[in-house]
């Protein structure tokens, strides 16, 4: 026999179970929205980390010294547009500081 049998809490618990099991995923519940937001944020973070690694690798392979300040600026950036612009520049710059110059 379940400890919740024949108690008022049992009905409440059953309703909570239905909300989680029945309405997730695909029903727009708070659980689903939170899950999907976290998943999207994880994808963006993963893309940003990948871009950072590529920028640093290109500069290193090209033999361009990366100052601690430049490394910190690159690794702390999370804006994908900025990272894409820096990656494109990393292919042609002579110094790491040139990544950050305005066009």
N, C-alpha and C. Protein backbone atom coordinates (compact mmCIF):
# COMPACT_ATOMS: atom_id res chain seq x y z
N UNK A 1 0.84 -1.17 0.00
CA UNK A 1 0.00 0.00 0.00
C UNK A 1 0.89 1.24 0.00
N UNK A 2 0.57 2.22 -0.84
CA UNK A 2 1.32 3.46 -0.95
C UNK A 2 1.07 4.34 0.27
N UNK A 3 2.07 5.08 0.73
CA UNK A 3 1.87 5.96 1.88
C UNK A 3 0.86 7.08 1.60
N UNK A 4 0.57 7.35 0.32
CA UNK A 4 -0.38 8.40 -0.02
C UNK A 4 -1.80 7.89 -0.22
N UNK A 5 -2.00 6.56 -0.17
CA UNK A 5 -3.34 6.01 -0.40
C UNK A 5 -4.34 6.60 0.58
N UNK A 6 -5.49 6.94 0.06
CA UNK A 6 -6.61 7.42 0.85
C UNK A 6 -6.30 8.66 1.68
N UNK A 7 -5.46 9.55 1.12
CA UNK A 7 -5.19 10.82 1.79
C UNK A 7 -5.49 11.94 0.80
N UNK A 8 -5.78 13.13 1.28
CA UNK A 8 -6.04 14.26 0.37
C UNK A 8 -4.81 14.62 -0.48
N UNK A 9 -3.64 14.36 0.02
CA UNK A 9 -2.41 14.67 -0.71
C UNK A 9 -2.31 13.83 -1.98
N UNK A 10 -2.87 12.63 -1.96
CA UNK A 10 -2.80 11.75 -3.12
C UNK A 10 -3.38 12.41 -4.36
N UNK A 11 -4.51 13.05 -4.24
CA UNK A 11 -5.14 13.70 -5.40
C UNK A 11 -4.29 14.85 -5.92
N UNK A 12 -3.74 15.61 -5.02
CA UNK A 12 -2.86 16.72 -5.41
C UNK A 12 -1.64 16.17 -6.14
N UNK A 13 -1.07 15.12 -5.59
CA UNK A 13 0.11 14.51 -6.21
C UNK A 13 -0.23 13.99 -7.60
N UNK A 14 -1.35 13.35 -7.76
CA UNK A 14 -1.76 12.82 -9.07
C UNK A 14 -1.90 13.96 -10.10
N UNK A 15 -2.45 15.08 -9.68
CA UNK A 15 -2.60 16.22 -10.59
C UNK A 15 -1.22 16.77 -10.99
N UNK A 16 -0.32 16.83 -10.04
CA UNK A 16 1.04 17.29 -10.36
C UNK A 16 1.73 16.35 -11.33
N UNK A 17 1.57 15.07 -11.14
CA UNK A 17 2.15 14.08 -12.05
C UNK A 17 1.61 14.27 -13.47
N UNK A 18 0.32 14.51 -13.58
CA UNK A 18 -0.29 14.71 -14.89
C UNK A 18 0.31 15.93 -15.60
N UNK A 19 0.53 17.00 -14.84
CA UNK A 19 1.07 18.21 -15.45
C UNK A 19 2.45 17.95 -16.04
N UNK A 20 3.27 17.22 -15.36
CA UNK A 20 4.62 16.96 -15.84
C UNK A 20 4.62 15.91 -16.93
N UNK A 21 3.97 14.81 -16.70
CA UNK A 21 4.02 13.69 -17.63
C UNK A 21 3.17 13.93 -18.87
N UNK A 22 1.98 14.49 -18.71
CA UNK A 22 1.05 14.61 -19.82
C UNK A 22 1.35 15.81 -20.71
N UNK A 23 1.73 16.92 -20.11
CA UNK A 23 1.86 18.14 -20.87
C UNK A 23 3.27 18.49 -21.29
N UNK A 24 4.21 17.61 -21.08
CA UNK A 24 5.58 17.90 -21.47
C UNK A 24 6.10 16.76 -22.30
N UNK A 25 6.67 16.97 -23.43
CA UNK A 25 6.81 18.22 -24.16
C UNK A 25 5.66 18.45 -25.14
N UNK A 26 5.62 19.64 -25.68
CA UNK A 26 4.72 19.97 -26.76
C UNK A 26 3.46 20.72 -26.39
N UNK A 27 3.30 21.08 -25.13
CA UNK A 27 2.08 21.76 -24.74
C UNK A 27 2.29 23.19 -24.26
N UNK A 28 3.52 23.69 -24.32
CA UNK A 28 3.78 25.07 -23.92
C UNK A 28 3.74 25.30 -22.42
N UNK A 29 3.99 24.27 -21.65
CA UNK A 29 3.98 24.44 -20.20
C UNK A 29 5.24 25.16 -19.74
N UNK A 30 5.20 25.62 -18.51
CA UNK A 30 6.36 26.28 -17.94
C UNK A 30 7.56 25.33 -17.92
N UNK A 31 7.32 24.06 -17.64
CA UNK A 31 8.40 23.08 -17.65
C UNK A 31 9.06 23.02 -19.02
N UNK A 32 8.23 22.95 -20.05
CA UNK A 32 8.74 22.85 -21.41
C UNK A 32 9.47 24.13 -21.82
N UNK A 33 8.89 25.28 -21.52
CA UNK A 33 9.53 26.55 -21.89
C UNK A 33 10.89 26.68 -21.23
N UNK A 34 10.97 26.33 -19.96
CA UNK A 34 12.24 26.41 -19.25
C UNK A 34 13.25 25.46 -19.85
N UNK A 35 12.82 24.26 -20.16
CA UNK A 35 13.71 23.27 -20.77
C UNK A 35 14.23 23.77 -22.13
N UNK A 36 13.33 24.26 -22.96
CA UNK A 36 13.72 24.71 -24.30
C UNK A 36 14.62 25.94 -24.24
N UNK A 37 14.35 26.85 -23.31
CA UNK A 37 15.22 28.02 -23.14
C UNK A 37 16.63 27.58 -22.76
N UNK A 38 16.72 26.65 -21.84
CA UNK A 38 18.03 26.14 -21.42
C UNK A 38 18.75 25.45 -22.57
N UNK A 39 18.01 24.71 -23.36
CA UNK A 39 18.60 24.02 -24.50
C UNK A 39 19.12 25.03 -25.53
N UNK A 40 18.35 26.07 -25.81
CA UNK A 40 18.77 27.10 -26.77
C UNK A 40 20.00 27.84 -26.26
N UNK A 41 20.00 28.19 -24.97
CA UNK A 41 21.15 28.88 -24.39
C UNK A 41 22.39 28.01 -24.49
N UNK A 42 22.22 26.72 -24.26
CA UNK A 42 23.35 25.80 -24.35
C UNK A 42 23.92 25.74 -25.76
N UNK A 43 23.05 25.79 -26.76
CA UNK A 43 23.52 25.78 -28.15
C UNK A 43 24.31 27.04 -28.47
N UNK A 44 23.81 28.18 -28.03
CA UNK A 44 24.50 29.45 -28.29
C UNK A 44 25.85 29.46 -27.58
N UNK A 45 25.86 29.01 -26.34
CA UNK A 45 27.12 28.96 -25.60
C UNK A 45 28.12 28.03 -26.28
N UNK A 46 27.63 26.91 -26.76
CA UNK A 46 28.50 25.96 -27.46
C UNK A 46 29.08 26.55 -28.74
N UNK A 47 28.27 27.27 -29.49
CA UNK A 47 28.75 27.92 -30.70
C UNK A 47 29.79 28.98 -30.38
N UNK A 48 29.53 29.75 -29.33
CA UNK A 48 30.47 30.80 -28.93
C UNK A 48 31.80 30.18 -28.52
N UNK A 49 31.75 29.12 -27.72
CA UNK A 49 32.99 28.45 -27.29
C UNK A 49 33.75 27.91 -28.49
N UNK A 50 33.05 27.38 -29.45
CA UNK A 50 33.68 26.85 -30.66
C UNK A 50 34.36 27.96 -31.45
N UNK A 51 33.68 29.10 -31.59
CA UNK A 51 34.26 30.24 -32.30
C UNK A 51 35.52 30.73 -31.58
N UNK A 52 35.46 30.82 -30.26
CA UNK A 52 36.62 31.26 -29.48
C UNK A 52 37.81 30.34 -29.74
N UNK A 53 37.56 29.04 -29.69
CA UNK A 53 38.63 28.07 -29.93
C UNK A 53 39.22 28.22 -31.32
N UNK A 54 38.37 28.45 -32.31
CA UNK A 54 38.85 28.62 -33.69
C UNK A 54 39.70 29.88 -33.84
N UNK A 55 39.26 30.97 -33.25
CA UNK A 55 40.01 32.22 -33.35
C UNK A 55 41.40 32.04 -32.74
N UNK A 56 41.44 31.48 -31.54
CA UNK A 56 42.73 31.28 -30.87
C UNK A 56 43.62 30.32 -31.66
N UNK A 57 43.03 29.29 -32.21
CA UNK A 57 43.81 28.31 -32.99
C UNK A 57 44.38 28.93 -34.25
N UNK A 58 43.58 29.72 -34.96
CA UNK A 58 44.07 30.37 -36.18
C UNK A 58 45.24 31.29 -35.85
N UNK A 59 45.07 32.10 -34.80
CA UNK A 59 46.16 33.01 -34.43
C UNK A 59 47.41 32.23 -34.05
N UNK A 60 47.25 31.18 -33.28
CA UNK A 60 48.41 30.37 -32.87
C UNK A 60 49.08 29.71 -34.07
N UNK A 61 48.29 29.14 -34.98
CA UNK A 61 48.84 28.47 -36.16
C UNK A 61 49.54 29.46 -37.09
N UNK A 62 49.07 30.69 -37.09
CA UNK A 62 49.70 31.71 -37.92
C UNK A 62 50.92 32.32 -37.22
N UNK A 63 51.17 31.91 -35.98
CA UNK A 63 52.33 32.41 -35.26
C UNK A 63 52.15 33.81 -34.70
N UNK A 64 50.92 34.21 -34.50
CA UNK A 64 50.64 35.55 -33.99
C UNK A 64 50.54 35.46 -32.47
N UNK A 65 51.38 36.21 -31.76
CA UNK A 65 51.33 36.18 -30.29
C UNK A 65 50.00 36.73 -29.77
N UNK A 66 49.49 36.09 -28.72
CA UNK A 66 48.23 36.51 -28.12
C UNK A 66 48.52 36.99 -26.71
N UNK A 67 48.36 38.28 -26.50
CA UNK A 67 48.62 38.84 -25.16
C UNK A 67 47.55 38.33 -24.19
N UNK A 68 47.85 38.33 -22.91
CA UNK A 68 46.84 37.91 -21.94
C UNK A 68 45.56 38.75 -22.03
N UNK A 69 45.70 40.05 -22.28
CA UNK A 69 44.51 40.90 -22.42
C UNK A 69 43.67 40.50 -23.63
N UNK A 70 44.34 40.23 -24.75
CA UNK A 70 43.62 39.82 -25.96
C UNK A 70 42.95 38.47 -25.74
N UNK A 71 43.65 37.54 -25.11
CA UNK A 71 43.08 36.22 -24.84
C UNK A 71 41.84 36.36 -23.95
N UNK A 72 41.93 37.19 -22.92
CA UNK A 72 40.79 37.39 -22.02
C UNK A 72 39.61 38.00 -22.77
N UNK A 73 39.88 38.96 -23.62
CA UNK A 73 38.80 39.61 -24.38
C UNK A 73 38.12 38.61 -25.31
N UNK A 74 38.92 37.77 -25.95
CA UNK A 74 38.36 36.77 -26.87
C UNK A 74 37.56 35.72 -26.10
N UNK A 75 38.14 35.18 -25.04
CA UNK A 75 37.48 34.09 -24.32
C UNK A 75 36.25 34.54 -23.53
N UNK A 76 36.17 35.82 -23.21
CA UNK A 76 35.01 36.29 -22.44
C UNK A 76 33.86 36.76 -23.33
N UNK A 77 34.09 36.84 -24.63
CA UNK A 77 33.05 37.30 -25.54
C UNK A 77 32.04 36.19 -25.79
N UNK A 78 30.75 36.53 -25.76
CA UNK A 78 29.69 35.56 -26.03
C UNK A 78 28.80 35.96 -27.20
N UNK A 79 29.10 37.11 -27.82
CA UNK A 79 28.31 37.59 -28.94
C UNK A 79 28.77 36.91 -30.23
N UNK A 80 27.89 36.13 -30.83
CA UNK A 80 28.27 35.35 -32.02
C UNK A 80 28.65 36.22 -33.20
N UNK A 81 27.99 37.35 -33.39
CA UNK A 81 28.33 38.23 -34.51
C UNK A 81 29.74 38.79 -34.35
N UNK A 82 30.07 39.20 -33.13
CA UNK A 82 31.41 39.72 -32.86
C UNK A 82 32.45 38.63 -33.06
N UNK A 83 32.17 37.44 -32.54
CA UNK A 83 33.12 36.34 -32.69
C UNK A 83 33.32 35.95 -34.15
N UNK A 84 32.27 36.00 -34.92
CA UNK A 84 32.38 35.69 -36.36
C UNK A 84 33.25 36.74 -37.05
N UNK A 85 33.03 38.00 -36.71
CA UNK A 85 33.85 39.08 -37.28
C UNK A 85 35.31 38.90 -36.89
N UNK A 86 35.57 38.57 -35.62
CA UNK A 86 36.95 38.36 -35.17
C UNK A 86 37.57 37.14 -35.84
N UNK A 87 36.78 36.10 -36.06
CA UNK A 87 37.32 34.93 -36.75
C UNK A 87 37.76 35.31 -38.16
N UNK A 88 36.89 36.02 -38.88
CA UNK A 88 37.24 36.44 -40.24
C UNK A 88 38.51 37.27 -40.24
N UNK A 89 38.64 38.17 -39.29
CA UNK A 89 39.84 39.01 -39.19
C UNK A 89 41.07 38.20 -38.80
N UNK A 90 40.87 37.14 -38.01
CA UNK A 90 42.02 36.34 -37.56
C UNK A 90 42.77 35.71 -38.73
N UNK A 91 42.12 35.61 -39.86
CA UNK A 91 42.75 35.01 -41.04
C UNK A 91 43.76 35.95 -41.70
N UNK A 92 43.64 37.26 -41.42
CA UNK A 92 44.49 38.21 -42.13
C UNK A 92 45.26 39.20 -41.26
N UNK A 93 44.93 39.32 -39.98
CA UNK A 93 45.58 40.32 -39.13
C UNK A 93 47.05 40.00 -38.90
N UNK A 94 47.81 41.05 -38.58
CA UNK A 94 49.23 40.88 -38.27
C UNK A 94 49.46 40.76 -36.76
N UNK A 95 48.53 41.32 -35.97
CA UNK A 95 48.62 41.22 -34.51
C UNK A 95 47.24 40.88 -33.96
N UNK A 96 47.22 40.31 -32.77
CA UNK A 96 45.94 39.96 -32.15
C UNK A 96 45.10 41.20 -31.86
N UNK A 97 45.75 42.32 -31.54
CA UNK A 97 45.02 43.55 -31.25
C UNK A 97 44.23 44.05 -32.45
N UNK A 98 44.67 43.72 -33.67
CA UNK A 98 43.95 44.15 -34.86
C UNK A 98 42.57 43.52 -34.97
N UNK A 99 42.33 42.42 -34.25
CA UNK A 99 41.00 41.81 -34.26
C UNK A 99 39.96 42.81 -33.78
N UNK A 100 40.35 43.64 -32.84
CA UNK A 100 39.41 44.51 -32.15
C UNK A 100 39.25 45.88 -32.79
N UNK A 101 40.04 46.17 -33.82
CA UNK A 101 39.96 47.49 -34.44
C UNK A 101 38.65 47.65 -35.19
N UNK A 102 38.13 48.86 -35.16
CA UNK A 102 36.87 49.14 -35.88
C UNK A 102 37.15 49.23 -37.37
N UNK A 103 36.18 48.84 -38.12
CA UNK A 103 36.34 48.84 -39.59
C UNK A 103 36.20 50.23 -40.15
